[in-house]
């Protein structure tokens, strides 16, 4: 598996509930339709209560940690090539303008390691 993670920030005028509803009901179906090869797509919405923050730590500038899995690097690269097509990029950007502060978006490819416990 090949995995990417995005840290995404809600537009300040949206409530948490509206942000989640838009992401789940509009953006997720759009991404699933436009980008090939996604095998898994997880959204981890930050709970505002109960977070642990070290003294002096930078303020959190994201509201959701999105994880997207692809079968392999070739599938990821195919999806990114499709994302780079002008009409696809424009459709995704236009939709993101409805619910994300795009100036805060960060995306990474990660080397995931999993520990299992018995």
C-alpha atoms as a PDB file:
ATOM      1  CA  UNK A   1       0.000   0.000   0.000  1.00  0.00           C
ATOM      2  CA  UNK A   2       1.003   3.588  -0.664  1.00  0.00           C
ATOM      3  CA  UNK A   3      -0.428   6.270   1.602  1.00  0.00           C
ATOM      4  CA  UNK A   4      -0.796  10.031   1.609  1.00  0.00           C
ATOM      5  CA  UNK A   5      -1.923  12.234   4.483  1.00  0.00           C
ATOM      6  CA  UNK A   6      -3.382  15.723   4.229  1.00  0.00           C
ATOM      7  CA  UNK A   7      -3.815  18.235   7.040  1.00  0.00           C
ATOM      8  CA  UNK A   8      -6.804  20.409   6.156  1.00  0.00           C
ATOM      9  CA  UNK A   9      -8.310  23.517   7.760  1.00  0.00           C
ATOM     10  CA  UNK A  10     -11.976  24.448   7.866  1.00  0.00           C
ATOM     11  CA  UNK A  11     -13.052  27.850   6.538  1.00  0.00           C
ATOM     12  CA  UNK A  12     -13.507  30.082   9.604  1.00  0.00           C
ATOM     13  CA  UNK A  13     -17.153  30.904   8.846  1.00  0.00           C
ATOM     14  CA  UNK A  14     -18.268  27.248   8.956  1.00  0.00           C
ATOM     15  CA  UNK A  15     -19.331  25.376  12.044  1.00  0.00           C
ATOM     16  CA  UNK A  16     -17.645  22.058  12.743  1.00  0.00           C
ATOM     17  CA  UNK A  17     -20.901  20.280  11.892  1.00  0.00           C
ATOM     18  CA  UNK A  18     -21.272  22.111   8.563  1.00  0.00           C
ATOM     19  CA  UNK A  19     -17.624  21.424   7.730  1.00  0.00           C
ATOM     20  CA  UNK A  20     -17.983  17.696   8.364  1.00  0.00           C
ATOM     21  CA  UNK A  21     -21.305  17.489   6.517  1.00  0.00           C
ATOM     22  CA  UNK A  22     -19.920  19.255   3.435  1.00  0.00           C
ATOM     23  CA  UNK A  23     -16.756  17.154   3.390  1.00  0.00           C
ATOM     24  CA  UNK A  24     -18.624  13.874   3.768  1.00  0.00           C
ATOM     25  CA  UNK A  25     -21.600  14.612   1.495  1.00  0.00           C
ATOM     26  CA  UNK A  26     -19.971  16.668  -1.269  1.00  0.00           C
ATOM     27  CA  UNK A  27     -16.197  16.442  -1.344  1.00  0.00           C
ATOM     28  CA  UNK A  28     -15.743  12.732  -0.667  1.00  0.00           C
ATOM     29  CA  UNK A  29     -18.034  11.680  -3.570  1.00  0.00           C
ATOM     30  CA  UNK A  30     -16.284  14.179  -5.877  1.00  0.00           C
ATOM     31  CA  UNK A  31     -12.818  12.830  -5.040  1.00  0.00           C
ATOM     32  CA  UNK A  32     -13.977   9.229  -5.388  1.00  0.00           C
ATOM     33  CA  UNK A  33     -15.408  10.050  -8.817  1.00  0.00           C
ATOM     34  CA  UNK A  34     -12.486  12.102 -10.149  1.00  0.00           C
ATOM     35  CA  UNK A  35      -9.424  10.258  -8.853  1.00  0.00           C
ATOM     36  CA  UNK A  36      -8.745   6.652  -9.821  1.00  0.00           C
ATOM     37  CA  UNK A  37      -7.079   4.012  -7.748  1.00  0.00           C
ATOM     38  CA  UNK A  38      -8.090   5.046  -4.241  1.00  0.00           C
ATOM     39  CA  UNK A  39      -8.365   1.907  -2.077  1.00  0.00           C
ATOM     40  CA  UNK A  40      -9.075   3.649   1.219  1.00  0.00           C
ATOM     41  CA  UNK A  41     -10.124   7.128   2.249  1.00  0.00           C
ATOM     42  CA  UNK A  42     -10.311   8.072   5.943  1.00  0.00           C
ATOM     43  CA  UNK A  43     -11.146  11.435   7.501  1.00  0.00           C
ATOM     44  CA  UNK A  44     -10.058  11.992  11.103  1.00  0.00           C
ATOM     45  CA  UNK A  45     -11.895  15.083  12.357  1.00  0.00           C
ATOM     46  CA  UNK A  46     -10.127  16.691  15.309  1.00  0.00           C
ATOM     47  CA  UNK A  47     -12.211  16.692  18.494  1.00  0.00           C
ATOM     48  CA  UNK A  48     -11.892  20.135  20.074  1.00  0.00           C
ATOM     49  CA  UNK A  49     -12.158  18.759  23.614  1.00  0.00           C
ATOM     50  CA  UNK A  50      -9.655  16.414  25.180  1.00  0.00           C
ATOM     51  CA  UNK A  51      -6.604  17.294  23.093  1.00  0.00           C
ATOM     52  CA  UNK A  52      -3.185  17.261  24.717  1.00  0.00           C
ATOM     53  CA  UNK A  53      -0.947  20.167  23.725  1.00  0.00           C
ATOM     54  CA  UNK A  54       2.537  20.692  25.095  1.00  0.00           C
ATOM     55  CA  UNK A  55       3.334  24.067  26.642  1.00  0.00           C
ATOM     56  CA  UNK A  56       4.784  26.335  23.965  1.00  0.00           C
ATOM     57  CA  UNK A  57       3.538  24.186  21.088  1.00  0.00           C
ATOM     58  CA  UNK A  58       2.400  25.936  17.921  1.00  0.00           C
ATOM     59  CA  UNK A  59      -1.332  26.434  17.542  1.00  0.00           C
ATOM     60  CA  UNK A  60      -3.094  23.693  15.588  1.00  0.00           C
ATOM     61  CA  UNK A  61      -3.824  24.956  12.088  1.00  0.00           C
ATOM     62  CA  UNK A  62      -5.834  22.003  10.783  1.00  0.00           C
ATOM     63  CA  UNK A  63      -9.214  20.456  11.574  1.00  0.00           C
ATOM     64  CA  UNK A  64      -8.994  17.091   9.854  1.00  0.00           C
ATOM     65  CA  UNK A  65      -6.281  14.565   9.096  1.00  0.00           C
ATOM     66  CA  UNK A  66      -7.181  12.854   5.834  1.00  0.00           C
ATOM     67  CA  UNK A  67      -5.603   9.529   4.894  1.00  0.00           C
ATOM     68  CA  UNK A  68      -5.776   8.156   1.358  1.00  0.00           C
ATOM     69  CA  UNK A  69      -4.438   4.736   0.381  1.00  0.00           C
ATOM     70  CA  UNK A  70      -3.439   3.481  -3.060  1.00  0.00           C
ATOM     71  CA  UNK A  71      -2.449  -0.047  -4.054  1.00  0.00           C
ATOM     72  CA  UNK A  72       1.065   1.096  -4.940  1.00  0.00           C
ATOM     73  CA  UNK A  73       3.144   4.064  -6.053  1.00  0.00           C
ATOM     74  CA  UNK A  74       2.008   3.674  -9.670  1.00  0.00           C
ATOM     75  CA  UNK A  75      -1.649   4.017  -8.602  1.00  0.00           C
ATOM     76  CA  UNK A  76      -0.769   7.116  -6.566  1.00  0.00           C
ATOM     77  CA  UNK A  77       1.107   8.652  -9.496  1.00  0.00           C
ATOM     78  CA  UNK A  78      -1.820   7.900 -11.834  1.00  0.00           C
ATOM     79  CA  UNK A  79      -4.178   9.692  -9.432  1.00  0.00           C
ATOM     80  CA  UNK A  80      -1.822  12.674  -9.158  1.00  0.00           C
ATOM     81  CA  UNK A  81      -1.503  12.840 -12.962  1.00  0.00           C
ATOM     82  CA  UNK A  82      -5.293  12.905 -13.212  1.00  0.00           C
ATOM     83  CA  UNK A  83      -5.406  15.579 -10.462  1.00  0.00           C
ATOM     84  CA  UNK A  84      -2.987  17.691 -12.549  1.00  0.00           C
ATOM     85  CA  UNK A  85      -5.346  17.742 -15.551  1.00  0.00           C
ATOM     86  CA  UNK A  86      -6.726  21.302 -15.722  1.00  0.00           C
ATOM     87  CA  UNK A  87     -10.418  20.367 -15.645  1.00  0.00           C
ATOM     88  CA  UNK A  88      -9.947  17.969 -12.712  1.00  0.00           C
ATOM     89  CA  UNK A  89      -7.745  20.384 -10.758  1.00  0.00           C
ATOM     90  CA  UNK A  90     -10.280  23.175 -11.333  1.00  0.00           C
ATOM     91  CA  UNK A  91     -13.215  21.027 -10.166  1.00  0.00           C
ATOM     92  CA  UNK A  92     -11.403  19.978  -6.991  1.00  0.00           C
ATOM     93  CA  UNK A  93     -10.176  23.512  -6.228  1.00  0.00           C
ATOM     94  CA  UNK A  94     -13.649  24.998  -6.782  1.00  0.00           C
ATOM     95  CA  UNK A  95     -15.162  22.469  -4.396  1.00  0.00           C
ATOM     96  CA  UNK A  96     -12.456  23.012  -1.776  1.00  0.00           C
ATOM     97  CA  UNK A  97     -13.220  26.756  -1.830  1.00  0.00           C
ATOM     98  CA  UNK A  98     -16.621  25.881  -0.344  1.00  0.00           C
ATOM     99  CA  UNK A  99     -15.268  24.438   2.900  1.00  0.00           C
ATOM    100  CA  UNK A 100     -11.454  24.611   3.208  1.00  0.00           C
ATOM    101  CA  UNK A 101      -8.959  27.343   3.985  1.00  0.00           C
ATOM    102  CA  UNK A 102      -6.740  26.183   1.119  1.00  0.00           C
ATOM    103  CA  UNK A 103      -3.828  28.359   2.265  1.00  0.00           C
ATOM    104  CA  UNK A 104      -3.337  25.926   5.178  1.00  0.00           C
ATOM    105  CA  UNK A 105      -3.420  22.661   3.164  1.00  0.00           C
ATOM    106  CA  UNK A 106      -0.456  20.338   3.608  1.00  0.00           C
ATOM    107  CA  UNK A 107      -0.125  16.906   2.005  1.00  0.00           C
ATOM    108  CA  UNK A 108       2.516  14.247   2.587  1.00  0.00           C
ATOM    109  CA  UNK A 109       3.343  10.787   1.320  1.00  0.00           C
ATOM    110  CA  UNK A 110       4.193   8.615   4.315  1.00  0.00           C
ATOM    111  CA  UNK A 111       5.956   5.362   5.078  1.00  0.00           C
ATOM    112  CA  UNK A 112       3.371   3.784   7.366  1.00  0.00           C
ATOM    113  CA  UNK A 113       4.480   1.318  10.044  1.00  0.00           C
ATOM    114  CA  UNK A 114       1.921  -0.621  12.063  1.00  0.00           C
ATOM    115  CA  UNK A 115       2.450  -2.337  15.385  1.00  0.00           C
ATOM    116  CA  UNK A 116       0.080  -5.109  16.331  1.00  0.00           C
ATOM    117  CA  UNK A 117      -0.557  -6.263  19.875  1.00  0.00           C
ATOM    118  CA  UNK A 118      -1.909  -9.554  21.088  1.00  0.00           C
END
